[in-house]
Protein backbone atom coordinates (compact mmCIF):
# COMPACT_ATOMS: atom_id res chain seq x y z
CA MET A 1 0.35 240.78 -9.43
CA CYS A 2 0.27 239.99 -5.68
CA ARG A 3 -3.15 240.81 -4.33
CA ASN A 4 -2.01 240.09 -0.78
CA ILE A 5 0.61 242.82 -0.74
CA ARG A 6 -0.98 245.84 0.91
CA THR A 7 -0.29 249.47 0.13
CA LEU A 8 2.23 250.77 2.67
CA HIS A 9 2.48 254.42 1.66
CA ASN A 10 0.57 257.29 3.25
CA PHE A 11 -0.64 255.68 6.46
CA GLU A 12 -0.52 257.13 9.93
CA PRO A 13 1.40 255.76 11.71
CA HIS A 14 3.91 254.91 9.00
CA ALA A 15 4.48 251.34 7.89
CA THR A 16 6.53 249.33 10.36
CA SER A 17 9.63 247.36 9.43
CA ASP A 18 7.58 244.19 10.03
CA GLU A 19 5.00 245.31 7.45
CA VAL A 20 7.75 246.13 4.95
CA HIS A 21 9.41 242.76 5.58
CA ALA A 22 6.10 240.88 5.18
CA ALA A 23 5.47 242.60 1.83
CA ALA A 24 9.01 241.71 0.72
CA VAL A 25 8.47 238.05 1.66
CA GLN A 26 5.22 237.96 -0.32
CA TYR A 27 6.86 239.57 -3.34
CA VAL A 28 9.90 237.27 -3.34
CA ALA A 29 7.71 234.21 -2.77
CA LYS A 30 5.57 235.17 -5.76
CA ILE A 31 8.61 235.64 -7.98
CA ALA A 32 10.27 232.43 -6.74
CA GLY A 33 7.06 230.44 -6.99
CA THR A 34 7.36 229.11 -3.46
CA THR A 35 6.69 230.28 0.06
CA LYS A 36 9.12 227.74 1.55
CA PRO A 37 12.32 227.54 -0.49
CA SER A 38 14.42 224.40 -0.46
CA HIS A 39 17.45 224.30 1.81
CA ALA A 40 19.66 224.92 -1.23
CA ASN A 41 17.73 228.09 -2.10
CA ALA A 42 16.99 229.41 1.40
CA GLU A 43 20.02 231.72 1.52
CA ALA A 44 19.24 233.28 -1.86
CA PHE A 45 15.56 233.64 -0.89
CA GLU A 46 16.39 235.41 2.40
CA ALA A 47 18.98 237.64 0.72
CA ALA A 48 16.37 238.69 -1.85
CA VAL A 49 13.82 239.39 0.89
CA GLU A 50 16.30 241.63 2.73
CA GLU A 51 17.22 243.52 -0.44
CA VAL A 52 13.59 244.05 -1.43
CA ALA A 53 12.68 245.18 2.11
CA HIS A 54 15.63 247.59 2.16
CA THR A 55 14.71 249.07 -1.22
CA THR A 56 11.03 249.26 -0.25
CA GLN A 57 11.89 251.21 2.90
CA HIS A 58 13.98 253.65 0.83
CA LEU A 59 11.08 254.09 -1.57
CA LEU A 60 8.59 254.73 1.25
CA ASN A 61 10.96 257.28 2.81
CA ALA A 62 11.33 259.11 -0.52
CA LEU A 63 7.68 259.28 -1.54
CA VAL A 64 5.91 262.61 -1.04
CA THR A 65 2.18 263.28 -0.98
CA THR A 66 -0.18 266.08 -0.13
CA ALA A 67 -3.09 263.69 0.41
CA PRO A 68 -4.26 263.15 3.97
CA ALA A 69 -2.92 260.02 5.62
CA LYS A 70 -5.13 256.93 5.43
CA ASN A 71 -6.48 255.07 8.42
CA ARG A 72 -5.57 251.37 8.58
CA GLU A 73 -8.89 250.35 10.14
CA VAL A 74 -10.94 252.18 7.52
CA GLU A 75 -8.90 250.64 4.71
CA ALA A 76 -9.24 247.16 6.27
CA GLU A 77 -13.01 247.62 6.44
CA LYS A 78 -13.06 248.58 2.75
CA ARG A 79 -11.10 245.38 1.92
CA ARG A 80 -13.55 243.28 3.95
CA ALA A 81 -16.50 244.90 2.15
CA ARG A 82 -14.95 244.21 -1.27
CA TYR A 83 -14.32 240.60 -0.24
CA ALA A 84 -17.89 240.19 1.01
CA ALA A 85 -19.23 241.55 -2.27
CA ARG A 86 -17.19 238.94 -4.22
CA VAL A 87 -18.35 236.01 -2.10
């Protein structure tokens, strides 16, 4: 669905509230079909972002894994390599 939304679970350190909020903005923008809602829709857009971010944080707090935590830099390098292979 949204290729720009990054996995937030199982990283050390844990996902920040800014990362959760950014993912929520991307998700709501994709669903709404716009990254900049009209003035008439701005309140509904922001309310949806806050609800999605809140629910996402609850989900991240509830998830359990036995896998070792991932490293953000290593994962970023993997993304860059995949991108380079596509180009």
